[in-house]
Amino acid sequence: MKSRLTKFSRFGLISGVLMICLFIFALFYFQQPESSAEEPTVTQQGGYQVVTINVKDDGFYPNNIEVQAGVPTKLNFKKQSRLTCIKSVASPELGMDVYLEKGDNFFTLKDLKPGTYKFHCGMYMYYGTITVK
């Protein structure tokens, strides 16, 4: 009789731990995603237009940026965490291939001509565009 209770106690303990793990997983998995329609922050600093692009676990925010042609531009890829899979950002059109550290990562563009330029993470999973007008 005692061995039967021990089996049920172990089963209950294991079931309880699994339920807690499932609850924690569901809590994070079904969490409301942040809006992907963030407005780009373009500021003027020392003759440059500076655009901050937040690098998060699920991409670049904002992922569509608009800047002025003929104005030197600094792109700040601001990485929120070291744990994101986005380790670098690249754009062959702009000659950009930058390894990203946690925090601010600036890339300077001097003579931008009007057009649309694409950028992506190093694994080609997340994309964005820079529209120059």
C-alpha atoms as a PDB file:
ATOM      1  CA  MET A   1       0.000   0.000   0.000  1.00  0.00           C
ATOM      2  CA  LYS A   2       2.843   2.380   0.836  1.00  0.00           C
ATOM      3  CA  SER A   3       4.525   1.942  -2.581  1.00  0.00           C
ATOM      4  CA  ARG A   4       1.260   2.829  -4.272  1.00  0.00           C
ATOM      5  CA  LEU A   5       1.086   6.135  -2.361  1.00  0.00           C
ATOM      6  CA  THR A   6       4.690   6.898  -3.249  1.00  0.00           C
ATOM      7  CA  LYS A   7       3.935   6.405  -6.946  1.00  0.00           C
ATOM      8  CA  PHE A   8       0.931   8.726  -6.716  1.00  0.00           C
ATOM      9  CA  SER A   9       2.963  11.311  -4.796  1.00  0.00           C
ATOM     10  CA  ARG A  10       5.678  11.320  -7.439  1.00  0.00           C
ATOM     11  CA  PHE A  11       3.083  11.495 -10.212  1.00  0.00           C
ATOM     12  CA  GLY A  12       1.396  14.455  -8.494  1.00  0.00           C
ATOM     13  CA  LEU A  13       4.683  16.260  -7.997  1.00  0.00           C
ATOM     14  CA  ILE A  14       5.776  15.750 -11.604  1.00  0.00           C
ATOM     15  CA  SER A  15       2.324  16.755 -12.881  1.00  0.00           C
ATOM     16  CA  GLY A  16       2.387  19.910 -10.765  1.00  0.00           C
ATOM     17  CA  VAL A  17       5.817  20.936 -12.013  1.00  0.00           C
ATOM     18  CA  LEU A  18       4.775  20.309 -15.631  1.00  0.00           C
ATOM     19  CA  MET A  19       1.600  22.370 -15.164  1.00  0.00           C
ATOM     20  CA  ILE A  20       3.613  25.279 -13.761  1.00  0.00           C
ATOM     21  CA  CYS A  21       6.053  25.085 -16.695  1.00  0.00           C
ATOM     22  CA  LEU A  22       3.149  24.978 -19.155  1.00  0.00           C
ATOM     23  CA  PHE A  23       1.546  28.000 -17.492  1.00  0.00           C
ATOM     24  CA  ILE A  24       4.786  30.017 -17.666  1.00  0.00           C
ATOM     25  CA  PHE A  25       5.270  29.061 -21.329  1.00  0.00           C
ATOM     26  CA  ALA A  26       1.676  30.053 -22.184  1.00  0.00           C
ATOM     27  CA  LEU A  27       2.073  33.340 -20.336  1.00  0.00           C
ATOM     28  CA  PHE A  28       5.007  34.376 -22.526  1.00  0.00           C
ATOM     29  CA  TYR A  29       3.803  32.764 -25.760  1.00  0.00           C
ATOM     30  CA  PHE A  30       0.345  34.343 -25.784  1.00  0.00           C
ATOM     31  CA  GLN A  31       1.527  37.740 -24.593  1.00  0.00           C
ATOM     32  CA  GLN A  32       0.308  40.627 -26.778  1.00  0.00           C
ATOM     33  CA  PRO A  33       3.025  41.556 -29.282  1.00  0.00           C
ATOM     34  CA  GLU A  34       4.334  45.087 -29.284  1.00  0.00           C
ATOM     35  CA  SER A  35       3.118  47.262 -32.100  1.00  0.00           C
ATOM     36  CA  SER A  36       5.276  46.917 -35.193  1.00  0.00           C
ATOM     37  CA  ALA A  37       4.071  50.295 -36.434  1.00  0.00           C
ATOM     38  CA  GLU A  38       6.489  52.345 -34.354  1.00  0.00           C
ATOM     39  CA  GLU A  39       7.170  55.772 -35.755  1.00  0.00           C
ATOM     40  CA  PRO A  40      10.818  56.380 -36.604  1.00  0.00           C
ATOM     41  CA  THR A  41      12.651  58.829 -34.389  1.00  0.00           C
ATOM     42  CA  VAL A  42      14.626  61.183 -36.630  1.00  0.00           C
ATOM     43  CA  THR A  43      16.583  63.880 -34.820  1.00  0.00           C
ATOM     44  CA  GLN A  44      19.132  66.456 -35.967  1.00  0.00           C
ATOM     45  CA  GLN A  45      22.510  66.322 -34.189  1.00  0.00           C
ATOM     46  CA  GLY A  46      25.675  68.085 -35.306  1.00  0.00           C
ATOM     47  CA  GLY A  47      24.755  68.273 -38.998  1.00  0.00           C
ATOM     48  CA  TYR A  48      23.499  64.672 -39.124  1.00  0.00           C
ATOM     49  CA  GLN A  49      20.019  63.258 -39.169  1.00  0.00           C
ATOM     50  CA  VAL A  50      20.035  60.458 -36.584  1.00  0.00           C
ATOM     51  CA  VAL A  51      17.555  57.592 -36.799  1.00  0.00           C
ATOM     52  CA  THR A  52      17.155  55.134 -33.932  1.00  0.00           C
ATOM     53  CA  ILE A  53      16.098  51.619 -34.907  1.00  0.00           C
ATOM     54  CA  ASN A  54      15.305  49.312 -31.997  1.00  0.00           C
ATOM     55  CA  VAL A  55      16.582  45.758 -32.442  1.00  0.00           C
ATOM     56  CA  LYS A  56      14.303  43.340 -30.608  1.00  0.00           C
ATOM     57  CA  ASP A  57      13.813  39.582 -30.497  1.00  0.00           C
ATOM     58  CA  ASP A  58      11.377  39.697 -33.398  1.00  0.00           C
ATOM     59  CA  GLY A  59      12.879  42.269 -35.734  1.00  0.00           C
ATOM     60  CA  PHE A  60      13.675  45.925 -36.340  1.00  0.00           C
ATOM     61  CA  TYR A  61      11.355  48.657 -35.004  1.00  0.00           C
ATOM     62  CA  PRO A  62      10.551  50.655 -36.991  1.00  0.00           C
ATOM     63  CA  ASN A  63      11.422  48.572 -40.003  1.00  0.00           C
ATOM     64  CA  ASN A  64      10.530  51.270 -42.557  1.00  0.00           C
ATOM     65  CA  ILE A  65      12.486  54.505 -42.249  1.00  0.00           C
ATOM     66  CA  GLU A  66      12.267  57.727 -44.230  1.00  0.00           C
ATOM     67  CA  VAL A  67      15.178  60.202 -44.394  1.00  0.00           C
ATOM     68  CA  GLN A  68      16.139  63.236 -46.481  1.00  0.00           C
ATOM     69  CA  ALA A  69      18.488  62.955 -49.443  1.00  0.00           C
ATOM     70  CA  GLY A  70      21.780  64.846 -49.316  1.00  0.00           C
ATOM     71  CA  VAL A  71      21.902  65.018 -45.510  1.00  0.00           C
ATOM     72  CA  PRO A  72      24.513  62.867 -43.737  1.00  0.00           C
ATOM     73  CA  THR A  73      22.689  60.194 -41.753  1.00  0.00           C
ATOM     74  CA  LYS A  74      23.573  58.135 -38.710  1.00  0.00           C
ATOM     75  CA  LEU A  75      21.613  54.947 -38.177  1.00  0.00           C
ATOM     76  CA  ASN A  76      21.569  53.840 -34.547  1.00  0.00           C
ATOM     77  CA  PHE A  77      20.698  50.153 -34.307  1.00  0.00           C
ATOM     78  CA  LYS A  78      19.856  49.997 -30.603  1.00  0.00           C
ATOM     79  CA  LYS A  79      20.001  46.396 -29.439  1.00  0.00           C
ATOM     80  CA  GLN A  80      17.763  45.770 -26.432  1.00  0.00           C
ATOM     81  CA  SER A  81      19.328  42.500 -25.253  1.00  0.00           C
ATOM     82  CA  ARG A  82      22.365  40.317 -25.857  1.00  0.00           C
ATOM     83  CA  LEU A  83      20.042  37.314 -26.086  1.00  0.00           C
ATOM     84  CA  THR A  84      18.317  38.207 -29.362  1.00  0.00           C
ATOM     85  CA  CYS A  85      19.173  36.124 -32.418  1.00  0.00           C
ATOM     86  CA  ILE A  86      19.890  39.309 -34.389  1.00  0.00           C
ATOM     87  CA  LYS A  87      23.674  39.524 -34.162  1.00  0.00           C
ATOM     88  CA  SER A  88      24.352  41.749 -37.192  1.00  0.00           C
ATOM     89  CA  VAL A  89      22.708  43.977 -39.773  1.00  0.00           C
ATOM     90  CA  ALA A  90      23.707  44.247 -43.422  1.00  0.00           C
ATOM     91  CA  SER A  91      22.851  46.093 -46.611  1.00  0.00           C
ATOM     92  CA  PRO A  92      24.960  45.363 -49.691  1.00  0.00           C
ATOM     93  CA  GLU A  93      23.426  48.428 -51.391  1.00  0.00           C
ATOM     94  CA  LEU A  94      24.755  50.702 -48.640  1.00  0.00           C
ATOM     95  CA  GLY A  95      28.004  48.858 -47.954  1.00  0.00           C
ATOM     96  CA  MET A  96      26.776  48.096 -44.450  1.00  0.00           C
ATOM     97  CA  ASP A  97      27.757  44.986 -42.481  1.00  0.00           C
ATOM     98  CA  VAL A  98      27.709  45.738 -38.757  1.00  0.00           C
ATOM     99  CA  TYR A  99      28.085  43.362 -35.806  1.00  0.00           C
ATOM    100  CA  LEU A 100      25.663  44.499 -33.101  1.00  0.00           C
ATOM    101  CA  GLU A 101      26.582  44.854 -29.438  1.00  0.00           C
ATOM    102  CA  LYS A 102      23.989  45.478 -26.725  1.00  0.00           C
ATOM    103  CA  GLY A 103      23.075  49.178 -26.690  1.00  0.00           C
ATOM    104  CA  ASP A 104      23.906  51.784 -29.358  1.00  0.00           C
ATOM    105  CA  ASN A 105      25.469  50.740 -32.692  1.00  0.00           C
ATOM    106  CA  PHE A 106      25.963  53.640 -35.126  1.00  0.00           C
ATOM    107  CA  PHE A 107      26.471  53.386 -38.879  1.00  0.00           C
ATOM    108  CA  THR A 108      27.106  56.595 -40.853  1.00  0.00           C
ATOM    109  CA  LEU A 109      25.819  57.195 -44.384  1.00  0.00           C
ATOM    110  CA  LYS A 110      27.289  60.260 -46.133  1.00  0.00           C
ATOM    111  CA  ASP A 111      25.781  60.902 -49.580  1.00  0.00           C
ATOM    112  CA  LEU A 112      22.400  59.222 -49.791  1.00  0.00           C
ATOM    113  CA  LYS A 113      20.697  59.484 -53.147  1.00  0.00           C
ATOM    114  CA  PRO A 114      16.896  59.250 -53.452  1.00  0.00           C
ATOM    115  CA  GLY A 115      15.611  55.691 -53.551  1.00  0.00           C
ATOM    116  CA  THR A 116      14.696  52.731 -51.385  1.00  0.00           C
ATOM    117  CA  TYR A 117      17.418  50.683 -49.742  1.00  0.00           C
ATOM    118  CA  LYS A 118      16.929  47.362 -47.985  1.00  0.00           C
ATOM    119  CA  PHE A 119      18.676  46.038 -44.891  1.00  0.00           C
ATOM    120  CA  HIS A 120      18.436  42.693 -43.115  1.00  0.00           C
ATOM    121  CA  CYS A 121      19.767  40.764 -40.164  1.00  0.00           C
ATOM    122  CA  GLY A 122      22.767  38.499 -40.665  1.00  0.00           C
ATOM    123  CA  MET A 123      20.559  35.405 -40.928  1.00  0.00           C
ATOM    124  CA  TYR A 124      18.192  36.979 -43.521  1.00  0.00           C
ATOM    125  CA  MET A 125      15.212  36.501 -41.191  1.00  0.00           C
ATOM    126  CA  TYR A 126      14.286  40.140 -40.480  1.00  0.00           C
ATOM    127  CA  TYR A 127      14.187  42.973 -43.005  1.00  0.00           C
ATOM    128  CA  GLY A 128      13.700  46.699 -43.199  1.00  0.00           C
ATOM    129  CA  THR A 129      13.831  49.555 -45.695  1.00  0.00           C
ATOM    130  CA  ILE A 130      15.302  53.031 -45.772  1.00  0.00           C
ATOM    131  CA  THR A 131      13.469  55.397 -48.110  1.00  0.00           C
ATOM    132  CA  VAL A 132      15.474  58.458 -49.111  1.00  0.00           C
ATOM    133  CA  LYS A 133      13.460  61.416 -50.452  1.00  0.00           C
END
